[in-house]
Every structure is written in C-alpha cells, then in structure tokens.
Amino acid sequence: MDTLGGAEFAPAQTYLNTATCGLLPRRTVEAVKLLAEENAAGGPDGAGSFEAVAAARAGYARIAGVDPDRVAIGATVSAHVAIVAASLPVGAEVLYPGGDFSSLITPFAVRGDLKTRSAPLEELADAVRPGTGLVAFSCVQSADGRSADLPAIREAAAAHGARTLLDATQSAGWLPLDAGACDYTVAGGYKFLLCPRGTSFLTVTEEAQESLVPVHGGWFAGDDRYGSCYGPVERFAASARRFDEAPAFLAYHGAERSLALLREIGIEAVHPHVTGLAARFRDGVRALGYEPVPGVSATVAVPGLGHRQPELARAGVLVSDRAGNLRVSFHLYNSAADVDRALDVLSGLSAAPAAAAAPAGG
C-alpha cells in the first residue's frame, strides 16, 4: 500500500503519530510562510484574509457533511465545548464515557452545578436515562482507538430527550462524518485534518443553535463584523458563525490548504487506506504474541507496550505512549513499509540507526 499524499509530505522518520499531531502538507507550510512574510512586510491585508477563513470553514463543512452556516471556527476543542457547558441549565446531567479526553469533559466538571456521570464506552447507550440532558463522547477514543456505537448512542439520547455532543478530533479526516446527525460536534484540526494548531471546528444543528449562548462572543461573531468592534455586540450572526472566536489567521490560512487537499484525495479513499494499514499492524503484533485493542480504527493501541515508545523513537519510528498503551496511528502519508518497519523494531529484527543510538550532547 503506497501513500496517498505524494509530494505533499516528506517525513524524515517513520511517522505513526497522527493521533498526537498530523504532518503539515507542503502547500499548508507555504501558505503560513506567505502570510508571515506579508505580516512582516506590512502587507495590505493586515493580519490575514477573511476569504481564507471562509474557505477553511467551507472545507470543513464538506468533510462534516453540513452547510457552512452550521460551522463555527475557533482555536481549541475545550473552548468550543465550554460554549455548550456554559449554556446548560443548573442541575443538568451530562453523561460521558469513562476515560474520555479531558478537553471534552473538564468544561462540564468545573462548573460545579451540573450532574456529571460516566459509563464505560461500550455501555454508554444503555446508561442514558430519563433526566439525562447531554451525552458527550468521542467518536474514537484517544487513549486506545476504540470506536463509539454512534447509532445506538444517538437512538438512546433521542428516546430520552437528551442532546448529543460528538468529539470527532480523532476521526475527522479519515472516517466519514455526518455532523448533522448530532446536535453539536467538535473537532480539533491539528490531527487527522492536517491543519496547524490553533484550528478547531464546532458544528451546531439549526434546531440546537438557540440552546447555546455565544459566551465567547466578540467582533468576529457579529453580523456586521466591523460594526461590532466597540461596545457590546448588538447583533450576532444569524448562523453558527455567532459562536466564532476571532481566528488565528496563520493557522487558518494553512487550514484552507490542508482541507482542500483532503477534499482532493477524498475521505472515501483515505478511510480504506488507513484502516488497511491498521489491520496489517494488528495482525503483525498478534503474530509477535501481543494482543492489541480490537477494532477497525486508524489508531491501534497495544496494552502494556507503552514502555517501548523510547526504543521505537531511537530507531526512527515515532509513536505514542498513552495510558500504558503503545499507540500507533496511520494516515494518508503512511505505507505498508511504515507498518513493517515498526513491527521489525518491536520484534527485535531492526536495531536503532547508529546516528540515533545515543543521545546527542554530553
């Protein structure tokens, strides 16, 4: 299996760590450089382009399967989740999977006047009950790549009148996404969406929009942006743009290019590519006598092997140690050779390169 990214990517090592941070395409790097140079020279567009931000919004909307009017932009997932958390009534119950990522859970926990409750991911749908106000969950778990049963969770939430908040940070960019099927979705852009850090996307259905308060509201969320610069914003945008944060323009100029690349290649091509590589790795580690977390995700976790991460790094294979798991994640710039390289190191058949065998310095 060859890579899908072509000349857009040139990793210096075997990079199997997209679940931590995706590689930037060359076109993205060039866009960021160009804007930085324009900023340094005092270019006519000032800090950045509204058109580039709009193109990034539209690019994400296509991936998420929604209209651009349903997408708000910002810098971090936790800030977007905080909008939902701040808008819940006192005493509302929030249900989430035990061990889900902190950016999704903490904004609810710190309020102090909400009821928060967790359940194992596999039992989340059955844990929804009368009085549950919101079910917040990741599509794919960060620690081990397990996937949520989206249809069952949505069905259970609808049966009890609960809203749903889906975190697609570990899935958007390789797994087909129907954001309109949940009341709210969030996705950090710097992993499988290949965007620079400082990009995050929130989608809100038209029905759910009135349930949220634009607590981060500033001039960029105003219906008339430049007419909203001074004093309180008198009229917010009618669309989900009312929940926008003012963008980090460098990040969004890059995001426009990254999301365009994903559209050109197509999630329908990325999905079988990365899941095929993940299946190859799962089969390989089983042959070595280890048992990976079962699933069909682009992220594979092998319990108890997290301590091998430094050894792999010395051999030029970049992976993660998460919750004691060796976490390996695949994207469009990976190939079967990358899988085999990691397996060779784990089997002891491949030693660290001489240049990496000892740390630099004294």
Protein backbone atom coordinates (compact mmCIF):
# COMPACT_ATOMS: atom_id res chain seq x y z
CA MET A 1 0.00 0.00 0.00
CA ASP A 2 1.61 3.21 -1.20
CA THR A 3 0.99 6.61 0.39
CA LEU A 4 -1.79 8.88 -0.83
CA GLY A 5 -0.11 12.21 -0.11
CA GLY A 6 2.53 12.12 -2.84
CA ALA A 7 4.97 15.01 -2.87
CA GLU A 8 2.94 16.95 -0.28
CA PHE A 9 4.70 15.06 2.52
CA ALA A 10 8.31 14.17 3.22
CA PRO A 11 8.61 12.82 6.78
CA ALA A 12 12.19 12.48 7.97
CA GLN A 13 11.30 9.41 10.06
CA THR A 14 8.66 6.70 10.13
CA TYR A 15 5.83 8.84 11.46
CA LEU A 16 3.00 6.85 13.06
CA ASN A 17 1.79 9.50 15.48
CA THR A 18 -1.04 11.43 13.80
CA ALA A 19 -3.26 10.82 16.84
CA THR A 20 -0.91 13.26 18.57
CA CYS A 21 -0.30 15.69 15.71
CA GLY A 22 -0.71 15.43 11.94
CA LEU A 23 2.00 16.31 9.45
CA LEU A 24 1.52 19.57 7.56
CA PRO A 25 1.31 19.34 3.76
CA ARG A 26 3.83 21.40 1.79
CA ARG A 27 1.06 23.65 0.45
CA THR A 28 -0.01 24.41 4.02
CA VAL A 29 3.52 25.31 5.08
CA GLU A 30 3.83 27.64 2.08
CA ALA A 31 0.55 29.40 2.92
CA VAL A 32 1.67 30.02 6.51
CA LYS A 33 5.07 31.26 5.36
CA LEU A 34 3.49 33.62 2.83
CA LEU A 35 1.19 35.23 5.38
CA ALA A 36 4.01 35.52 7.92
CA GLU A 37 6.15 37.28 5.34
CA GLU A 38 3.28 39.62 4.43
CA ASN A 39 2.76 40.42 8.10
CA ALA A 40 6.46 41.14 8.50
CA ALA A 41 6.42 43.44 5.46
CA GLY A 42 3.26 45.30 6.47
CA GLY A 43 1.13 43.85 3.68
CA PRO A 44 -2.16 45.48 2.70
CA ASP A 45 -4.36 42.70 4.10
CA GLY A 46 -3.19 43.19 7.67
CA ALA A 47 -3.28 40.13 9.88
CA GLY A 48 -4.94 37.82 7.38
CA SER A 49 -7.77 37.12 4.97
CA PHE A 50 -11.46 36.67 5.79
CA GLU A 51 -11.70 34.80 2.49
CA ALA A 52 -9.17 32.19 3.64
CA VAL A 53 -11.12 31.68 6.86
CA ALA A 54 -14.37 31.31 4.91
CA ALA A 55 -12.70 28.78 2.61
CA ALA A 56 -11.47 26.78 5.61
CA ARG A 57 -14.97 26.85 7.10
CA ALA A 58 -16.43 25.60 3.82
CA GLY A 59 -13.71 22.96 3.52
CA TYR A 60 -14.52 21.55 6.92
CA ALA A 61 -18.26 21.73 6.20
CA ARG A 62 -17.77 19.49 3.16
CA ILE A 63 -15.90 16.94 5.27
CA ALA A 64 -18.54 17.14 8.02
CA GLY A 65 -21.45 16.85 5.60
CA VAL A 66 -23.14 20.09 6.67
CA ASP A 67 -23.76 23.57 5.29
CA PRO A 68 -21.03 26.13 6.12
CA ASP A 69 -23.65 28.12 8.05
CA ARG A 70 -23.64 25.28 10.60
CA VAL A 71 -19.89 25.61 11.31
CA ALA A 72 -18.21 27.87 13.86
CA ILE A 73 -14.44 28.29 13.96
CA GLY A 74 -12.07 28.71 16.88
CA ALA A 75 -8.74 27.70 18.33
CA THR A 76 -9.34 24.76 20.68
CA VAL A 77 -11.82 21.98 21.33
CA SER A 78 -12.09 22.89 25.02
CA ALA A 79 -13.19 26.44 24.16
CA HIS A 80 -15.90 25.09 21.87
CA VAL A 81 -17.05 22.56 24.47
CA ALA A 82 -17.13 25.38 27.01
CA ILE A 83 -19.84 27.12 24.97
CA VAL A 84 -22.03 24.04 25.34
CA ALA A 85 -21.16 23.66 29.03
CA ALA A 86 -21.90 27.31 29.83
CA SER A 87 -25.29 27.07 28.13
CA LEU A 88 -26.66 24.13 30.15
CA PRO A 89 -29.17 24.85 32.90
CA VAL A 90 -28.20 24.36 36.53
CA GLY A 91 -28.56 20.73 37.55
CA ALA A 92 -28.45 19.30 34.02
CA GLU A 93 -26.99 15.79 33.79
CA VAL A 94 -24.07 15.22 31.45
CA LEU A 95 -23.16 11.62 30.62
CA TYR A 96 -19.77 10.75 29.13
CA PRO A 97 -17.54 7.69 28.65
CA GLY A 98 -15.11 6.97 31.46
CA GLY A 99 -11.58 7.95 30.48
CA ASP A 100 -12.57 10.17 27.55
CA PHE A 101 -10.31 13.09 26.68
CA SER A 102 -10.13 15.86 29.27
CA SER A 103 -10.89 18.70 26.82
CA LEU A 104 -14.32 17.15 26.30
CA ILE A 105 -15.11 16.52 29.97
CA THR A 106 -13.47 19.27 32.03
CA PRO A 107 -15.62 22.22 30.87
CA PHE A 108 -18.64 20.42 32.36
CA ALA A 109 -16.88 19.27 35.53
CA VAL A 110 -15.58 22.70 36.52
CA ARG A 111 -19.00 24.34 36.52
CA GLY A 112 -19.82 22.68 39.81
CA ASP A 113 -23.59 22.95 39.39
CA LEU A 114 -24.04 20.20 36.80
CA LYS A 115 -24.52 16.49 37.40
CA THR A 116 -21.73 14.62 35.63
CA ARG A 117 -21.79 10.86 35.28
CA SER A 118 -19.62 8.40 33.39
CA ALA A 119 -20.13 4.93 32.00
CA PRO A 120 -17.92 2.51 30.07
CA LEU A 121 -17.87 3.37 26.37
CA GLU A 122 -19.45 0.05 25.40
CA GLU A 123 -22.33 0.69 27.84
CA LEU A 124 -22.86 4.37 27.11
CA ALA A 125 -26.11 3.96 25.15
CA ASP A 126 -27.62 1.80 27.89
CA ALA A 127 -26.56 4.37 30.52
CA VAL A 128 -28.74 7.15 29.04
CA ARG A 129 -31.74 7.59 31.30
CA PRO A 130 -34.68 9.93 31.90
CA GLY A 131 -33.23 13.23 33.06
CA THR A 132 -30.00 12.94 31.06
CA GLY A 133 -29.58 16.32 29.40
CA LEU A 134 -26.49 15.74 27.27
CA VAL A 135 -24.38 12.80 26.12
CA ALA A 136 -20.83 13.94 25.32
CA PHE A 137 -18.48 11.41 23.75
CA SER A 138 -15.59 10.96 21.35
CA CYS A 139 -16.17 9.09 18.13
CA VAL A 140 -12.77 7.44 18.58
CA GLN A 141 -11.06 7.27 21.94
CA SER A 142 -7.69 9.00 22.23
CA ALA A 143 -6.09 6.51 24.59
CA ASP A 144 -6.75 3.30 22.68
CA GLY A 145 -8.61 3.91 19.40
CA ARG A 146 -11.89 2.30 20.45
CA SER A 147 -14.90 3.49 18.46
CA ALA A 148 -18.25 4.58 19.86
CA ASP A 149 -21.50 2.99 18.68
CA LEU A 150 -22.88 6.22 17.21
CA PRO A 151 -26.28 4.92 16.04
CA ALA A 152 -27.04 3.30 19.41
CA ILE A 153 -25.99 6.39 21.39
CA ARG A 154 -27.98 8.76 19.18
CA GLU A 155 -31.04 6.50 19.38
CA ALA A 156 -30.84 6.27 23.16
CA ALA A 157 -30.36 10.02 23.52
CA ALA A 158 -33.35 10.76 21.26
CA ALA A 159 -35.52 8.32 23.21
CA HIS A 160 -34.81 10.21 26.44
CA GLY A 161 -34.83 13.74 25.04
CA ALA A 162 -31.09 14.25 25.54
CA ARG A 163 -28.84 16.22 23.21
CA THR A 164 -25.60 14.80 21.83
CA LEU A 165 -22.10 16.30 21.62
CA LEU A 166 -19.66 14.34 19.47
CA ASP A 167 -15.90 14.94 19.57
CA ALA A 168 -14.54 13.96 16.15
CA THR A 169 -10.96 15.06 16.80
CA GLN A 170 -9.57 11.52 16.46
CA SER A 171 -11.72 10.59 13.46
CA ALA A 172 -12.44 13.58 11.22
CA GLY A 173 -10.07 13.34 8.28
CA TRP A 174 -10.13 9.55 7.87
CA LEU A 175 -13.60 8.41 8.97
CA PRO A 176 -16.70 9.63 7.10
CA LEU A 177 -18.51 12.15 9.29
CA ASP A 178 -22.19 13.12 9.37
CA ALA A 179 -22.04 16.04 11.80
CA GLY A 180 -25.70 16.91 11.28
CA ALA A 181 -26.72 13.68 13.00
CA CYS A 182 -25.62 15.11 16.37
CA ASP A 183 -26.74 18.34 18.00
CA TYR A 184 -23.14 19.53 18.36
CA THR A 185 -19.81 18.26 17.11
CA VAL A 186 -16.29 19.49 17.81
CA ALA A 187 -13.07 18.62 16.03
CA GLY A 188 -9.53 19.80 16.63
CA GLY A 189 -7.90 20.49 13.28
CA TYR A 190 -4.29 19.60 14.03
CA LYS A 191 -4.53 15.82 13.93
CA PHE A 192 -6.15 13.91 11.05
CA LEU A 193 -7.39 17.12 9.41
CA LEU A 194 -3.72 18.07 8.89
CA CYS A 195 -4.24 21.71 9.90
CA PRO A 196 -1.89 23.84 12.00
CA ARG A 197 -2.52 24.06 15.73
CA GLY A 198 -4.95 26.85 16.53
CA THR A 199 -7.80 25.44 14.42
CA SER A 200 -10.95 23.88 15.84
CA PHE A 201 -14.42 23.44 14.39
CA LEU A 202 -17.83 23.39 16.08
CA THR A 203 -20.98 22.35 14.26
CA VAL A 204 -24.44 23.14 15.59
CA THR A 205 -27.71 21.99 14.09
CA GLU A 206 -30.22 24.71 13.31
CA GLU A 207 -32.58 23.27 15.93
CA ALA A 208 -29.92 23.24 18.64
CA GLN A 209 -28.45 26.67 17.86
CA GLU A 210 -30.83 28.57 20.10
CA SER A 211 -29.80 26.38 23.04
CA LEU A 212 -26.34 27.97 23.07
CA VAL A 213 -25.19 31.32 24.41
CA PRO A 214 -22.31 32.97 22.49
CA VAL A 215 -20.25 33.37 25.66
CA HIS A 216 -17.06 33.94 23.66
CA GLY A 217 -18.82 36.49 21.50
CA GLY A 218 -16.64 39.25 20.10
CA TRP A 219 -16.48 41.37 16.98
CA PHE A 220 -15.79 38.39 14.72
CA ALA A 221 -19.11 36.81 15.71
CA GLY A 222 -21.09 39.93 14.91
CA ASP A 223 -23.47 40.10 11.97
CA ASP A 224 -21.56 43.21 10.86
CA ARG A 225 -18.01 42.50 11.96
CA TYR A 226 -16.52 45.95 11.64
CA GLY A 227 -19.69 47.45 13.05
CA SER A 228 -19.25 45.27 16.16
CA CYS A 229 -15.78 46.38 17.22
CA TYR A 230 -16.78 48.74 20.05
CA GLY A 231 -19.19 48.21 22.89
CA PRO A 232 -21.30 45.07 23.26
CA VAL A 233 -22.10 43.21 20.05
CA GLU A 234 -25.63 44.34 19.27
CA ARG A 235 -26.49 41.67 16.71
CA PHE A 236 -24.73 38.33 16.34
CA ALA A 237 -24.57 36.47 13.05
CA ALA A 238 -27.72 34.52 12.32
CA SER A 239 -25.73 31.36 11.55
CA ALA A 240 -23.40 29.26 13.70
CA ARG A 241 -20.82 31.95 12.98
CA ARG A 242 -22.21 33.67 16.10
CA PHE A 243 -20.06 31.21 18.08
CA ASP A 244 -16.84 32.08 16.24
CA GLU A 245 -13.69 33.08 18.01
CA ALA A 246 -11.54 35.58 16.15
CA PRO A 247 -9.26 33.28 14.16
CA ALA A 248 -5.55 32.76 14.39
CA PHE A 249 -5.05 33.78 10.77
CA LEU A 250 -1.75 31.97 10.28
CA ALA A 251 -3.40 28.72 11.30
CA TYR A 252 -6.47 29.26 9.15
CA HIS A 253 -4.52 30.26 6.05
CA GLY A 254 -2.86 26.88 6.42
CA ALA A 255 -6.12 25.09 7.23
CA GLU A 256 -7.65 26.25 3.95
CA ARG A 257 -4.91 24.39 2.04
CA SER A 258 -4.96 21.25 4.21
CA LEU A 259 -8.71 20.82 3.95
CA ALA A 260 -8.55 21.36 0.20
CA LEU A 261 -6.01 18.54 -0.05
CA LEU A 262 -8.26 16.18 1.91
CA ARG A 263 -11.11 17.05 -0.44
CA GLU A 264 -8.94 16.35 -3.49
CA ILE A 265 -7.89 12.94 -2.18
CA GLY A 266 -11.29 12.15 -0.67
CA ILE A 267 -12.14 10.65 2.71
CA GLU A 268 -13.58 7.71 0.77
CA ALA A 269 -10.00 6.96 -0.35
CA VAL A 270 -8.31 7.77 2.96
CA HIS A 271 -10.57 5.51 5.02
CA PRO A 272 -9.74 2.14 3.44
CA HIS A 273 -6.08 3.12 3.17
CA VAL A 274 -5.60 3.85 6.88
CA THR A 275 -7.82 1.06 8.19
CA GLY A 276 -5.96 -1.39 5.93
CA LEU A 277 -2.64 -0.27 7.41
CA ALA A 278 -4.06 -0.53 10.92
CA ALA A 279 -5.31 -4.07 10.23
CA ARG A 280 -1.85 -5.02 8.94
CA PHE A 281 -0.30 -3.71 12.17
CA ARG A 282 -2.84 -5.52 14.36
CA ASP A 283 -2.13 -8.78 12.58
CA GLY A 284 1.60 -8.18 12.92
CA VAL A 285 1.61 -7.54 16.66
CA ARG A 286 -0.59 -10.58 17.22
CA ALA A 287 1.99 -12.64 15.35
CA LEU A 288 4.57 -11.30 17.82
CA GLY A 289 2.46 -12.53 20.75
CA TYR A 290 0.76 -9.28 21.77
CA GLU A 291 -2.95 -8.53 21.81
CA PRO A 292 -3.99 -5.11 20.50
CA VAL A 293 -7.21 -3.39 21.46
CA PRO A 294 -9.74 -4.79 18.96
CA GLY A 295 -11.41 -2.51 16.45
CA VAL A 296 -11.29 -1.06 12.96
CA SER A 297 -9.88 2.37 13.80
CA ALA A 298 -6.91 4.09 12.17
CA THR A 299 -5.42 4.13 15.69
CA VAL A 300 -4.14 0.91 17.23
CA ALA A 301 -3.27 0.50 20.90
CA VAL A 302 -1.28 -2.38 22.37
CA PRO A 303 -1.77 -2.57 26.16
CA GLY A 304 1.35 -2.87 28.25
CA LEU A 305 3.75 -1.89 25.48
CA GLY A 306 3.87 1.86 26.08
CA HIS A 307 7.34 1.49 27.56
CA ARG A 308 8.65 0.53 24.09
CA GLN A 309 7.99 4.04 22.75
CA PRO A 310 11.52 5.36 23.51
CA GLU A 311 13.07 2.34 21.82
CA LEU A 312 10.98 2.91 18.71
CA ALA A 313 11.89 6.59 18.72
CA ARG A 314 15.60 5.74 18.82
CA ALA A 315 15.01 3.55 15.77
CA GLY A 316 13.33 6.43 13.94
CA VAL A 317 9.74 5.23 14.43
CA LEU A 318 7.55 7.85 16.12
CA VAL A 319 4.57 6.55 18.12
CA SER A 320 2.91 7.42 21.46
CA ASP A 321 2.73 6.06 24.98
CA ARG A 322 -0.83 6.70 26.20
CA ALA A 323 -2.23 5.25 29.44
CA GLY A 324 0.34 2.48 29.26
CA ASN A 325 -0.62 1.61 25.69
CA LEU A 326 1.69 1.69 22.71
CA ARG A 327 -0.43 3.87 20.42
CA VAL A 328 0.19 3.77 16.68
CA SER A 329 -1.89 5.82 14.25
CA PHE A 330 -1.94 5.84 10.46
CA HIS A 331 -2.82 8.48 7.89
CA LEU A 332 -2.62 9.10 4.15
CA TYR A 333 1.14 9.67 4.20
CA ASN A 334 1.83 6.20 5.64
CA SER A 335 2.55 2.99 3.74
CA ALA A 336 2.88 -0.73 4.34
CA ALA A 337 6.62 -0.20 4.64
CA ASP A 338 5.98 2.01 7.68
CA VAL A 339 3.95 -0.76 9.31
CA ASP A 340 6.64 -3.32 8.63
CA ARG A 341 9.36 -1.01 9.94
CA ALA A 342 7.54 -0.64 13.29
CA LEU A 343 6.95 -4.40 13.51
CA ASP A 344 10.61 -5.11 12.78
CA VAL A 345 11.67 -2.89 15.67
CA LEU A 346 9.15 -4.49 18.04
CA SER A 347 10.35 -7.95 17.02
CA GLY A 348 13.98 -7.01 17.61
CA LEU A 349 14.88 -7.59 13.95
CA SER A 350 15.72 -3.94 13.39
CA ALA A 351 18.14 -2.01 15.56
CA ALA A 352 18.25 1.73 16.07
CA PRO A 353 20.17 3.66 13.40
CA ALA A 354 23.71 4.47 14.53
CA ALA A 355 23.02 8.21 14.49
CA ALA A 356 20.07 7.74 16.83
CA ALA A 357 21.51 5.05 19.09
CA ALA A 358 22.91 7.55 21.58
CA PRO A 359 21.51 10.92 22.60
CA ALA A 360 23.25 13.98 21.20
CA GLY A 361 25.36 16.07 23.52
CA GLY A 362 27.39 15.18 26.59
